Amino acid sequence: FYDQFYARSSPTVGKLPTLSIPLLSDIPVFGRLFQQQPVVWSALLLVGISHFVLFYTPWGLRTRAVGEHPRAADTVGINVFFMRYANVVIGSCIAGLGGAYLIVEVPTFTPGLTAGRGFIALAALIFGNWKPVGAWAATLLFGLTSAIQINIQQCVSTSSGGDLPFFLLPQIIGLLPYVVTIVVLAGFVGRSSPPASVGVPYEK
């Protein structure tokens, strides 16, 4: 698709509108936090909805059951295969929302556009102890490190006129989000407990 369409026509897409929360968006400095695009507000809602569904509804109980002990879930009449496929489809739709937001934010498509964000998303899930709220908090941390490295690169490029020290080279600064990911995972992988049967095919 890239070779046949994007590389030849180089289309651009429009930006999503910004939705502001009245009064809160007028607060000095912090008011910008309340001026976000619809996908951002949708993502925040999805965190709360996902947490509620997983831990306070029969669907969530069945979802956790087929992830922890599918054979026990099967013995009480839960359709393991249906629950797993249905949740993969739902999760894929949510992931697709993130992909659509990325496409809207970037004017043109280039190969390697995601720049390893999928692995960072997996790290956020592990760091968040496989829970929606924890994963959301982890993505805020990784997003912060990504924003920091972008701002550092901009500051260095505008203020420096000569040779840069090794640790201020763009390639080194660009490693910051991934280094933080590795450090966080090294410290939390042992403490994070995934569902016992995650990734394990179930045979009836």
N, C-alpha and C. Protein backbone atom coordinates (compact mmCIF):
# COMPACT_ATOMS: atom_id res chain seq x y z
N PHE A 1 0.83 -1.20 0.00
CA PHE A 1 0.00 0.00 0.00
C PHE A 1 0.87 1.26 0.00
N TYR A 2 1.95 1.23 0.78
CA TYR A 2 2.82 2.40 0.83
C TYR A 2 3.43 2.68 -0.54
N ASP A 3 3.96 1.64 -1.19
CA ASP A 3 4.61 1.83 -2.50
C ASP A 3 3.61 2.27 -3.56
N GLN A 4 2.42 1.68 -3.56
CA GLN A 4 1.46 1.93 -4.63
C GLN A 4 0.64 3.20 -4.43
N PHE A 5 0.46 3.59 -3.18
CA PHE A 5 -0.43 4.73 -2.94
C PHE A 5 0.29 5.92 -2.30
N TYR A 6 0.80 5.72 -1.09
CA TYR A 6 1.38 6.84 -0.36
C TYR A 6 2.63 7.41 -1.02
N ALA A 7 3.51 6.52 -1.46
CA ALA A 7 4.77 7.00 -2.02
C ALA A 7 4.57 7.80 -3.30
N ARG A 8 3.46 7.60 -3.98
CA ARG A 8 3.23 8.28 -5.26
C ARG A 8 2.36 9.52 -5.12
N SER A 9 1.40 9.48 -4.20
CA SER A 9 0.50 10.62 -4.10
C SER A 9 0.78 11.51 -2.89
N SER A 10 1.46 10.93 -1.87
CA SER A 10 1.79 11.67 -0.64
C SER A 10 0.60 12.47 -0.11
N PRO A 11 -0.51 11.78 0.23
CA PRO A 11 -1.69 12.52 0.71
C PRO A 11 -1.47 13.06 2.11
N THR A 12 -2.21 14.05 2.45
CA THR A 12 -2.20 14.57 3.81
C THR A 12 -3.62 14.46 4.37
N VAL A 13 -3.70 14.35 5.66
CA VAL A 13 -5.01 14.24 6.30
C VAL A 13 -5.20 15.40 7.26
N GLY A 14 -6.44 15.72 7.53
CA GLY A 14 -6.73 16.83 8.41
C GLY A 14 -6.57 16.45 9.87
N LYS A 15 -6.36 17.45 10.71
CA LYS A 15 -6.23 17.23 12.15
C LYS A 15 -7.61 17.15 12.79
N LEU A 16 -7.70 16.41 13.86
CA LEU A 16 -8.95 16.34 14.62
C LEU A 16 -9.15 17.64 15.39
N PRO A 17 -10.39 18.05 15.62
CA PRO A 17 -10.62 19.28 16.38
C PRO A 17 -10.27 19.09 17.86
N THR A 18 -9.99 20.17 18.52
CA THR A 18 -9.68 20.14 19.95
C THR A 18 -10.93 20.47 20.76
N LEU A 19 -11.22 19.63 21.75
CA LEU A 19 -12.37 19.86 22.62
C LEU A 19 -11.87 20.32 23.99
N SER A 20 -12.36 21.45 24.44
CA SER A 20 -11.92 22.02 25.71
C SER A 20 -13.02 21.89 26.76
N ILE A 21 -12.60 21.68 28.01
CA ILE A 21 -13.55 21.65 29.12
C ILE A 21 -13.68 23.08 29.65
N PRO A 22 -14.89 23.63 29.63
CA PRO A 22 -15.07 25.01 30.11
C PRO A 22 -14.52 25.21 31.52
N LEU A 23 -14.01 26.38 31.78
CA LEU A 23 -13.44 26.81 33.06
C LEU A 23 -12.10 26.13 33.33
N LEU A 24 -12.06 24.79 33.29
CA LEU A 24 -10.81 24.09 33.56
C LEU A 24 -9.74 24.42 32.52
N SER A 25 -10.16 24.60 31.28
CA SER A 25 -9.19 24.90 30.23
C SER A 25 -8.63 26.32 30.33
N ASP A 26 -9.23 27.17 31.18
CA ASP A 26 -8.76 28.54 31.36
C ASP A 26 -7.74 28.68 32.49
N ILE A 27 -7.46 27.59 33.18
CA ILE A 27 -6.48 27.63 34.28
C ILE A 27 -5.10 27.90 33.69
N PRO A 28 -4.33 28.84 34.26
CA PRO A 28 -2.98 29.10 33.74
C PRO A 28 -2.10 27.86 33.81
N VAL A 29 -1.27 27.67 32.82
CA VAL A 29 -0.31 26.56 32.67
C VAL A 29 -1.01 25.22 32.53
N PHE A 30 -1.75 24.79 33.55
CA PHE A 30 -2.37 23.46 33.54
C PHE A 30 -3.63 23.40 32.68
N GLY A 31 -4.12 24.54 32.24
CA GLY A 31 -5.33 24.53 31.42
C GLY A 31 -5.19 23.76 30.13
N ARG A 32 -3.96 23.66 29.61
CA ARG A 32 -3.74 22.93 28.35
C ARG A 32 -4.04 21.44 28.50
N LEU A 33 -3.98 20.94 29.73
CA LEU A 33 -4.31 19.53 29.96
C LEU A 33 -5.77 19.24 29.63
N PHE A 34 -6.61 20.26 29.71
CA PHE A 34 -8.03 20.09 29.48
C PHE A 34 -8.45 20.55 28.08
N GLN A 35 -7.46 20.65 27.20
CA GLN A 35 -7.71 20.97 25.79
C GLN A 35 -7.14 19.83 24.95
N GLN A 36 -7.97 18.84 24.68
CA GLN A 36 -7.52 17.63 24.00
C GLN A 36 -8.45 17.28 22.85
N GLN A 37 -7.97 16.38 22.00
CA GLN A 37 -8.76 15.92 20.87
C GLN A 37 -9.73 14.81 21.32
N PRO A 38 -10.77 14.55 20.53
CA PRO A 38 -11.79 13.56 20.94
C PRO A 38 -11.22 12.19 21.26
N VAL A 39 -10.18 11.77 20.55
CA VAL A 39 -9.63 10.43 20.80
C VAL A 39 -9.01 10.36 22.19
N VAL A 40 -8.42 11.47 22.65
CA VAL A 40 -7.82 11.48 23.99
C VAL A 40 -8.90 11.31 25.05
N TRP A 41 -9.99 12.07 24.90
CA TRP A 41 -11.09 11.93 25.86
C TRP A 41 -11.70 10.53 25.79
N SER A 42 -11.80 9.97 24.58
CA SER A 42 -12.33 8.61 24.42
C SER A 42 -11.43 7.60 25.12
N ALA A 43 -10.12 7.80 25.01
CA ALA A 43 -9.18 6.88 25.65
C ALA A 43 -9.33 6.91 27.16
N LEU A 44 -9.51 8.11 27.72
CA LEU A 44 -9.71 8.22 29.16
C LEU A 44 -10.99 7.51 29.60
N LEU A 45 -12.04 7.67 28.81
CA LEU A 45 -13.29 6.97 29.11
C LEU A 45 -13.10 5.46 29.02
N LEU A 46 -12.34 5.01 28.03
CA LEU A 46 -12.13 3.58 27.84
C LEU A 46 -11.37 2.96 29.01
N VAL A 47 -10.50 3.73 29.64
CA VAL A 47 -9.78 3.21 30.82
C VAL A 47 -10.79 2.87 31.92
N GLY A 48 -11.68 3.83 32.21
CA GLY A 48 -12.68 3.59 33.25
C GLY A 48 -13.67 2.50 32.87
N ILE A 49 -14.11 2.51 31.61
CA ILE A 49 -15.06 1.50 31.16
C ILE A 49 -14.43 0.11 31.21
N SER A 50 -13.18 -0.01 30.75
CA SER A 50 -12.50 -1.31 30.75
C SER A 50 -12.34 -1.84 32.17
N HIS A 51 -11.96 -0.96 33.09
CA HIS A 51 -11.79 -1.38 34.49
C HIS A 51 -13.12 -1.86 35.06
N PHE A 52 -14.17 -1.10 34.81
CA PHE A 52 -15.48 -1.48 35.34
C PHE A 52 -15.94 -2.82 34.75
N VAL A 53 -15.81 -2.98 33.43
CA VAL A 53 -16.27 -4.21 32.77
C VAL A 53 -15.48 -5.41 33.27
N LEU A 54 -14.16 -5.26 33.42
CA LEU A 54 -13.33 -6.40 33.81
C LEU A 54 -13.57 -6.85 35.25
N PHE A 55 -13.86 -5.91 36.14
CA PHE A 55 -13.90 -6.26 37.57
C PHE A 55 -15.28 -6.16 38.22
N TYR A 56 -16.28 -5.69 37.46
CA TYR A 56 -17.59 -5.51 38.09
C TYR A 56 -18.76 -6.03 37.25
N THR A 57 -18.48 -6.81 36.22
CA THR A 57 -19.56 -7.35 35.39
C THR A 57 -19.34 -8.84 35.17
N PRO A 58 -20.41 -9.57 34.85
CA PRO A 58 -20.26 -11.01 34.54
C PRO A 58 -19.32 -11.24 33.36
N TRP A 59 -19.35 -10.35 32.36
CA TRP A 59 -18.46 -10.51 31.20
C TRP A 59 -16.99 -10.46 31.66
N GLY A 60 -16.70 -9.51 32.54
CA GLY A 60 -15.33 -9.39 33.04
C GLY A 60 -14.91 -10.59 33.85
N LEU A 61 -15.83 -11.11 34.66
CA LEU A 61 -15.52 -12.30 35.45
C LEU A 61 -15.21 -13.49 34.55
N ARG A 62 -16.00 -13.65 33.48
CA ARG A 62 -15.75 -14.74 32.54
C ARG A 62 -14.45 -14.52 31.78
N THR A 63 -14.17 -13.29 31.43
CA THR A 63 -12.92 -12.98 30.73
C THR A 63 -11.72 -13.35 31.59
N ARG A 64 -11.75 -12.96 32.85
CA ARG A 64 -10.65 -13.29 33.74
C ARG A 64 -10.55 -14.79 34.00
N ALA A 65 -11.71 -15.45 34.02
CA ALA A 65 -11.71 -16.90 34.26
C ALA A 65 -11.04 -17.65 33.11
N VAL A 66 -11.35 -17.27 31.86
CA VAL A 66 -10.76 -17.99 30.73
C VAL A 66 -9.28 -17.64 30.57
N GLY A 67 -8.85 -16.55 31.20
CA GLY A 67 -7.43 -16.21 31.16
C GLY A 67 -6.64 -16.89 32.26
N GLU A 68 -7.28 -17.11 33.40
CA GLU A 68 -6.59 -17.73 34.53
C GLU A 68 -6.67 -19.26 34.49
N HIS A 69 -7.89 -19.78 34.31
CA HIS A 69 -8.07 -21.24 34.36
C HIS A 69 -9.19 -21.63 33.39
N PRO A 70 -8.86 -21.72 32.09
CA PRO A 70 -9.92 -21.98 31.10
C PRO A 70 -10.65 -23.30 31.31
N ARG A 71 -9.97 -24.33 31.80
CA ARG A 71 -10.64 -25.61 31.99
C ARG A 71 -11.70 -25.52 33.08
N ALA A 72 -11.39 -24.80 34.14
CA ALA A 72 -12.39 -24.61 35.20
C ALA A 72 -13.57 -23.80 34.67
N ALA A 73 -13.27 -22.78 33.84
CA ALA A 73 -14.35 -21.98 33.25
C ALA A 73 -15.23 -22.84 32.35
N ASP A 74 -14.61 -23.74 31.61
CA ASP A 74 -15.34 -24.61 30.69
C ASP A 74 -16.28 -25.54 31.46
N THR A 75 -15.84 -26.02 32.60
CA THR A 75 -16.65 -26.97 33.37
C THR A 75 -17.91 -26.33 33.93
N VAL A 76 -17.93 -25.00 34.08
CA VAL A 76 -19.14 -24.34 34.58
C VAL A 76 -19.96 -23.74 33.45
N GLY A 77 -19.65 -24.12 32.21
CA GLY A 77 -20.48 -23.72 31.08
C GLY A 77 -20.06 -22.48 30.32
N ILE A 78 -18.89 -21.92 30.61
CA ILE A 78 -18.42 -20.74 29.88
C ILE A 78 -17.78 -21.19 28.57
N ASN A 79 -18.16 -20.58 27.48
CA ASN A 79 -17.59 -20.90 26.17
C ASN A 79 -16.23 -20.22 26.06
N VAL A 80 -15.19 -20.99 26.31
CA VAL A 80 -13.83 -20.44 26.35
C VAL A 80 -13.43 -19.85 25.01
N PHE A 81 -13.70 -20.58 23.94
CA PHE A 81 -13.29 -20.12 22.61
C PHE A 81 -13.99 -18.82 22.23
N PHE A 82 -15.29 -18.73 22.49
CA PHE A 82 -16.03 -17.51 22.17
C PHE A 82 -15.50 -16.32 22.97
N MET A 83 -15.31 -16.52 24.27
CA MET A 83 -14.84 -15.42 25.11
C MET A 83 -13.47 -14.93 24.66
N ARG A 84 -12.60 -15.85 24.32
CA ARG A 84 -11.26 -15.44 23.91
C ARG A 84 -11.29 -14.69 22.58
N TYR A 85 -12.01 -15.23 21.61
CA TYR A 85 -12.08 -14.57 20.31
C TYR A 85 -12.77 -13.21 20.43
N ALA A 86 -13.85 -13.15 21.19
CA ALA A 86 -14.59 -11.90 21.35
C ALA A 86 -13.71 -10.82 21.98
N ASN A 87 -12.95 -11.19 22.98
CA ASN A 87 -12.10 -10.21 23.65
C ASN A 87 -10.91 -9.79 22.78
N VAL A 88 -10.41 -10.69 21.95
CA VAL A 88 -9.36 -10.32 21.01
C VAL A 88 -9.89 -9.29 20.01
N VAL A 89 -11.12 -9.50 19.53
CA VAL A 89 -11.72 -8.56 18.58
C VAL A 89 -11.93 -7.20 19.25
N ILE A 90 -12.44 -7.20 20.48
CA ILE A 90 -12.67 -5.94 21.20
C ILE A 90 -11.34 -5.22 21.43
N GLY A 91 -10.34 -5.96 21.88
CA GLY A 91 -9.03 -5.36 22.10
C GLY A 91 -8.41 -4.82 20.83
N SER A 92 -8.63 -5.52 19.73
CA SER A 92 -8.10 -5.08 18.44
C SER A 92 -8.77 -3.78 17.99
N CYS A 93 -10.06 -3.65 18.26
CA CYS A 93 -10.76 -2.41 17.92
C CYS A 93 -10.19 -1.23 18.70
N ILE A 94 -9.91 -1.45 19.97
CA ILE A 94 -9.32 -0.38 20.79
C ILE A 94 -7.92 -0.05 20.30
N ALA A 95 -7.13 -1.07 19.97
CA ALA A 95 -5.79 -0.83 19.42
C ALA A 95 -5.88 -0.09 18.09
N GLY A 96 -6.89 -0.43 17.28
CA GLY A 96 -7.09 0.25 16.01
C GLY A 96 -7.40 1.72 16.19
N LEU A 97 -8.09 2.06 17.29
CA LEU A 97 -8.36 3.46 17.59
C LEU A 97 -7.05 4.22 17.81
N GLY A 98 -6.12 3.57 18.51
CA GLY A 98 -4.81 4.19 18.72
C GLY A 98 -4.06 4.36 17.41
N GLY A 99 -4.15 3.35 16.53
CA GLY A 99 -3.49 3.44 15.23
C GLY A 99 -4.10 4.54 14.37
N ALA A 100 -5.42 4.67 14.41
CA ALA A 100 -6.08 5.72 13.63
C ALA A 100 -5.68 7.10 14.13
N TYR A 101 -5.53 7.25 15.45
CA TYR A 101 -5.11 8.53 16.01
C TYR A 101 -3.70 8.88 15.55
N LEU A 102 -2.83 7.88 15.50
CA LEU A 102 -1.45 8.12 15.05
C LEU A 102 -1.42 8.58 13.60
N ILE A 103 -2.25 7.97 12.76
CA ILE A 103 -2.30 8.35 11.35
C ILE A 103 -2.81 9.78 11.19
N VAL A 104 -3.81 10.16 12.00
CA VAL A 104 -4.37 11.50 11.91
C VAL A 104 -3.34 12.54 12.36
N GLU A 105 -2.54 12.20 13.37
CA GLU A 105 -1.58 13.15 13.92
C GLU A 105 -0.38 13.37 13.00
N VAL A 106 -0.02 12.38 12.20
CA VAL A 106 1.15 12.49 11.34
C VAL A 106 0.68 12.82 9.92
N PRO A 107 1.19 13.90 9.33
CA PRO A 107 0.68 14.33 8.01
C PRO A 107 0.85 13.29 6.92
N THR A 108 1.97 12.59 6.87
CA THR A 108 2.19 11.59 5.82
C THR A 108 2.71 10.31 6.44
N PHE A 109 2.43 9.21 5.77
CA PHE A 109 2.89 7.91 6.25
C PHE A 109 4.32 7.65 5.79
N THR A 110 5.14 7.10 6.67
CA THR A 110 6.49 6.66 6.31
C THR A 110 6.72 5.30 6.95
N PRO A 111 7.52 4.44 6.34
CA PRO A 111 7.82 3.14 6.95
C PRO A 111 8.48 3.33 8.31
N GLY A 112 8.12 2.46 9.25
CA GLY A 112 8.66 2.58 10.60
C GLY A 112 8.03 3.70 11.41
N LEU A 113 6.84 4.11 11.02
CA LEU A 113 6.17 5.24 11.66
C LEU A 113 5.94 5.01 13.16
N THR A 114 5.61 3.78 13.52
CA THR A 114 5.29 3.51 14.93
C THR A 114 6.54 3.49 15.81
N ALA A 115 7.71 3.28 15.22
CA ALA A 115 8.99 3.39 15.95
C ALA A 115 9.02 2.57 17.24
N GLY A 116 8.52 1.34 17.18
CA GLY A 116 8.59 0.46 18.34
C GLY A 116 7.57 0.74 19.43
N ARG A 117 6.56 1.53 19.13
CA ARG A 117 5.57 1.84 20.17
C ARG A 117 4.77 0.61 20.59
N GLY A 118 4.66 -0.37 19.72
CA GLY A 118 3.96 -1.60 20.08
C GLY A 118 4.64 -2.33 21.23
N PHE A 119 5.98 -2.34 21.20
CA PHE A 119 6.72 -2.99 22.28
C PHE A 119 6.60 -2.18 23.57
N ILE A 120 6.57 -0.85 23.44
CA ILE A 120 6.39 -0.01 24.62
C ILE A 120 4.99 -0.22 25.21
N ALA A 121 3.99 -0.43 24.34
CA ALA A 121 2.63 -0.70 24.82
C ALA A 121 2.59 -2.02 25.59
N LEU A 122 3.31 -3.02 25.10
CA LEU A 122 3.37 -4.30 25.81
C LEU A 122 4.08 -4.13 27.16
N ALA A 123 5.13 -3.32 27.16
CA ALA A 123 5.84 -3.04 28.41
C ALA A 123 4.92 -2.32 29.39
N ALA A 124 4.09 -1.41 28.89
CA ALA A 124 3.16 -0.69 29.76
C ALA A 124 2.15 -1.64 30.39
N LEU A 125 1.71 -2.62 29.60
CA LEU A 125 0.76 -3.61 30.12
C LEU A 125 1.39 -4.41 31.26
N ILE A 126 2.64 -4.82 31.07
CA ILE A 126 3.33 -5.60 32.11
C ILE A 126 3.59 -4.72 33.33
N PHE A 127 4.09 -3.50 33.09
CA PHE A 127 4.39 -2.58 34.17
C PHE A 127 3.12 -2.23 34.96
N GLY A 128 1.99 -2.17 34.26
CA GLY A 128 0.72 -1.86 34.90
C GLY A 128 0.04 -3.05 35.54
N ASN A 129 0.78 -4.16 35.64
CA ASN A 129 0.29 -5.38 36.29
C ASN A 129 -0.96 -5.93 35.62
N TRP A 130 -1.05 -5.77 34.28
CA TRP A 130 -2.12 -6.35 33.48
C TRP A 130 -3.49 -5.82 33.86
N LYS A 131 -3.54 -4.58 34.29
CA LYS A 131 -4.81 -3.95 34.65
C LYS A 131 -4.95 -2.64 33.90
N PRO A 132 -6.18 -2.25 33.51
CA PRO A 132 -6.38 -1.04 32.70
C PRO A 132 -5.81 0.23 33.32
N VAL A 133 -6.09 0.46 34.60
CA VAL A 133 -5.62 1.69 35.24
C VAL A 133 -4.10 1.69 35.36
N GLY A 134 -3.53 0.55 35.70
CA GLY A 134 -2.07 0.46 35.79
C GLY A 134 -1.40 0.66 34.45
N ALA A 135 -1.97 0.07 33.41
CA ALA A 135 -1.41 0.24 32.06
C ALA A 135 -1.51 1.69 31.62
N TRP A 136 -2.61 2.35 31.96
CA TRP A 136 -2.78 3.77 31.62
C TRP A 136 -1.70 4.61 32.31
N ALA A 137 -1.45 4.35 33.59
CA ALA A 137 -0.42 5.10 34.32
C ALA A 137 0.95 4.86 33.69
N ALA A 138 1.21 3.62 33.28
CA ALA A 138 2.50 3.31 32.66
C ALA A 138 2.67 4.03 31.33
N THR A 139 1.59 4.13 30.55
CA THR A 139 1.69 4.84 29.27
C THR A 139 1.94 6.32 29.49
N LEU A 140 1.42 6.88 30.57
CA LEU A 140 1.73 8.28 30.89
C LEU A 140 3.21 8.45 31.16
N LEU A 141 3.81 7.50 31.86
CA LEU A 141 5.25 7.55 32.14
C LEU A 141 6.06 7.48 30.86
N PHE A 142 5.72 6.52 30.00
CA PHE A 142 6.46 6.37 28.76
C PHE A 142 6.21 7.54 27.81
N GLY A 143 4.99 8.07 27.82
CA GLY A 143 4.71 9.24 27.01
C GLY A 143 5.50 10.45 27.49
N LEU A 144 5.67 10.57 28.81
CA LEU A 144 6.46 11.66 29.38
C LEU A 144 7.91 11.57 28.92
N THR A 145 8.48 10.38 28.97
CA THR A 145 9.88 10.23 28.54
C THR A 145 10.03 10.53 27.05
N SER A 146 9.04 10.15 26.26
CA SER A 146 9.08 10.44 24.84
C SER A 146 9.02 11.95 24.59
N ALA A 147 8.15 12.64 25.33
CA ALA A 147 8.03 14.10 25.18
C ALA A 147 9.31 14.79 25.65
N ILE A 148 9.92 14.27 26.71
CA ILE A 148 11.17 14.86 27.21
C ILE A 148 12.28 14.76 26.17
N GLN A 149 12.41 13.58 25.55
CA GLN A 149 13.49 13.43 24.58
C GLN A 149 13.27 14.30 23.35
N ILE A 150 12.01 14.48 22.94
CA ILE A 150 11.72 15.36 21.81
C ILE A 150 12.10 16.81 22.14
N ASN A 151 11.73 17.27 23.35
CA ASN A 151 12.03 18.64 23.75
C ASN A 151 13.53 18.86 23.94
N ILE A 152 14.23 17.86 24.46
CA ILE A 152 15.68 17.98 24.62
C ILE A 152 16.34 18.12 23.24
N GLN A 153 15.90 17.31 22.29
CA GLN A 153 16.46 17.39 20.94
C GLN A 153 16.22 18.75 20.33
N GLN A 154 15.01 19.30 20.53
CA GLN A 154 14.71 20.62 19.98
C GLN A 154 15.56 21.70 20.62
N CYS A 155 15.74 21.62 21.94
CA CYS A 155 16.55 22.61 22.65
C CYS A 155 18.01 22.54 22.21
N VAL A 156 18.52 21.32 22.07
CA VAL A 156 19.91 21.14 21.66
C VAL A 156 20.13 21.65 20.25
N SER A 157 19.20 21.36 19.35
CA SER A 157 19.35 21.76 17.95
C SER A 157 19.28 23.27 17.77
N THR A 158 18.54 23.97 18.64
CA THR A 158 18.41 25.43 18.49
C THR A 158 19.49 26.20 19.23
N SER A 159 20.03 25.61 20.29
CA SER A 159 21.00 26.34 21.12
C SER A 159 22.45 26.01 20.80
N SER A 160 22.69 24.90 20.16
CA SER A 160 24.06 24.47 19.91
C SER A 160 24.46 24.79 18.48
N GLY A 161 25.64 25.39 18.36
CA GLY A 161 26.12 25.71 17.03
C GLY A 161 27.33 24.89 16.62
N GLY A 162 27.91 24.16 17.54
CA GLY A 162 29.11 23.40 17.24
C GLY A 162 28.92 21.93 17.47
N ASP A 163 30.06 21.26 17.73
CA ASP A 163 30.01 19.83 17.98
C ASP A 163 29.35 19.57 19.33
N LEU A 164 28.55 18.52 19.37
CA LEU A 164 27.83 18.16 20.58
C LEU A 164 28.58 17.08 21.34
N PRO A 165 28.51 17.11 22.68
CA PRO A 165 29.07 15.99 23.43
C PRO A 165 28.31 14.70 23.11
N PHE A 166 28.94 13.59 23.39
CA PHE A 166 28.39 12.28 23.02
C PHE A 166 26.98 12.07 23.55
N PHE A 167 26.74 12.45 24.81
CA PHE A 167 25.45 12.17 25.43
C PHE A 167 24.33 13.09 24.94
N LEU A 168 24.66 14.11 24.13
CA LEU A 168 23.64 14.99 23.59
C LEU A 168 23.39 14.76 22.10
N LEU A 169 24.00 13.73 21.54
CA LEU A 169 23.74 13.41 20.14
C LEU A 169 22.27 12.99 19.99
N PRO A 170 21.63 13.36 18.89
CA PRO A 170 20.20 13.00 18.70
C PRO A 170 19.94 11.51 18.82
N GLN A 171 20.88 10.70 18.34
CA GLN A 171 20.68 9.25 18.41
C GLN A 171 20.68 8.76 19.86
N ILE A 172 21.48 9.38 20.71
CA ILE A 172 21.55 8.98 22.12
C ILE A 172 20.31 9.46 22.87
N ILE A 173 19.93 10.72 22.63
CA ILE A 173 18.74 11.26 23.31
C ILE A 173 17.50 10.48 22.89
N GLY A 174 17.45 10.07 21.62
CA GLY A 174 16.29 9.32 21.12
C GLY A 174 16.11 7.97 21.78
N LEU A 175 17.15 7.48 22.46
CA LEU A 175 17.06 6.19 23.15
C LEU A 175 16.32 6.28 24.48
N LEU A 176 16.08 7.49 24.97
CA LEU A 176 15.53 7.67 26.31
C LEU A 176 14.27 6.86 26.59
N PRO A 177 13.22 6.91 25.74
CA PRO A 177 12.01 6.12 26.04
C PRO A 177 12.28 4.62 26.13
N TYR A 178 13.19 4.13 25.29
CA TYR A 178 13.45 2.69 25.26
C TYR A 178 14.32 2.26 26.45
N VAL A 179 15.23 3.13 26.85
CA VAL A 179 16.05 2.84 28.04
C VAL A 179 15.16 2.80 29.28
N VAL A 180 14.25 3.77 29.39
CA VAL A 180 13.31 3.77 30.52
C VAL A 180 12.46 2.51 30.50
N THR A 181 12.03 2.08 29.32
CA THR A 181 11.24 0.86 29.19
C THR A 181 12.01 -0.34 29.71
N ILE A 182 13.27 -0.47 29.31
CA ILE A 182 14.10 -1.60 29.74
C ILE A 182 14.31 -1.58 31.25
N VAL A 183 14.62 -0.39 31.80
CA VAL A 183 14.86 -0.28 33.24
C VAL A 183 13.60 -0.64 34.03
N VAL A 184 12.46 -0.11 33.57
CA VAL A 184 11.20 -0.39 34.27
C VAL A 184 10.88 -1.87 34.23
N LEU A 185 11.02 -2.49 33.06
CA LEU A 185 10.72 -3.91 32.94
C LEU A 185 11.67 -4.75 33.78
N ALA A 186 12.94 -4.36 33.81
CA ALA A 186 13.91 -5.11 34.61
C ALA A 186 13.54 -5.10 36.09
N GLY A 187 12.92 -4.02 36.53
CA GLY A 187 12.57 -3.92 37.94
C GLY A 187 11.21 -4.48 38.29
N PHE A 188 10.31 -4.62 37.28
CA PHE A 188 8.93 -4.98 37.59
C PHE A 188 8.45 -6.30 37.00
N VAL A 189 9.22 -6.88 36.07
CA VAL A 189 8.74 -8.11 35.43
C VAL A 189 8.51 -9.20 36.46
N GLY A 190 9.40 -9.32 37.43
CA GLY A 190 9.24 -10.37 38.43
C GLY A 190 8.07 -10.13 39.36
N ARG A 191 7.67 -8.88 39.51
CA ARG A 191 6.59 -8.54 40.44
C ARG A 191 5.23 -8.54 39.75
N SER A 192 5.23 -8.47 38.43
CA SER A 192 3.98 -8.45 37.69
C SER A 192 3.54 -9.88 37.40
N SER A 193 2.28 -10.17 37.69
CA SER A 193 1.78 -11.54 37.51
C SER A 193 0.73 -11.56 36.40
N PRO A 194 1.08 -12.09 35.23
CA PRO A 194 0.11 -12.17 34.14
C PRO A 194 -0.93 -13.26 34.41
N PRO A 195 -2.04 -13.26 33.68
CA PRO A 195 -3.00 -14.37 33.80
C PRO A 195 -2.29 -15.69 33.54
N ALA A 196 -2.63 -16.70 34.30
CA ALA A 196 -1.90 -17.96 34.27
C ALA A 196 -1.89 -18.62 32.91
N SER A 197 -2.96 -18.44 32.14
CA SER A 197 -3.06 -19.13 30.84
C SER A 197 -2.97 -18.19 29.65
N VAL A 198 -2.39 -17.02 29.84
CA VAL A 198 -2.30 -16.06 28.75
C VAL A 198 -1.39 -16.63 27.66
N GLY A 199 -1.86 -16.59 26.42
CA GLY A 199 -1.07 -17.08 25.30
C GLY A 199 -1.01 -18.60 25.19
N VAL A 200 -1.74 -19.31 26.02
CA VAL A 200 -1.73 -20.77 25.99
C VAL A 200 -2.99 -21.26 25.28
N PRO A 201 -2.85 -21.95 24.15
CA PRO A 201 -4.05 -22.47 23.46
C PRO A 201 -4.83 -23.44 24.34
N TYR A 202 -6.13 -23.35 24.26
CA TYR A 202 -6.97 -24.24 25.07
C TYR A 202 -7.49 -25.39 24.22
N GLU A 203 -7.32 -26.57 24.72
CA GLU A 203 -7.83 -27.76 24.04
C GLU A 203 -8.94 -28.35 24.90
N LYS A 204 -10.11 -28.46 24.32
CA LYS A 204 -11.28 -28.92 25.06
C LYS A 204 -11.13 -30.39 25.44
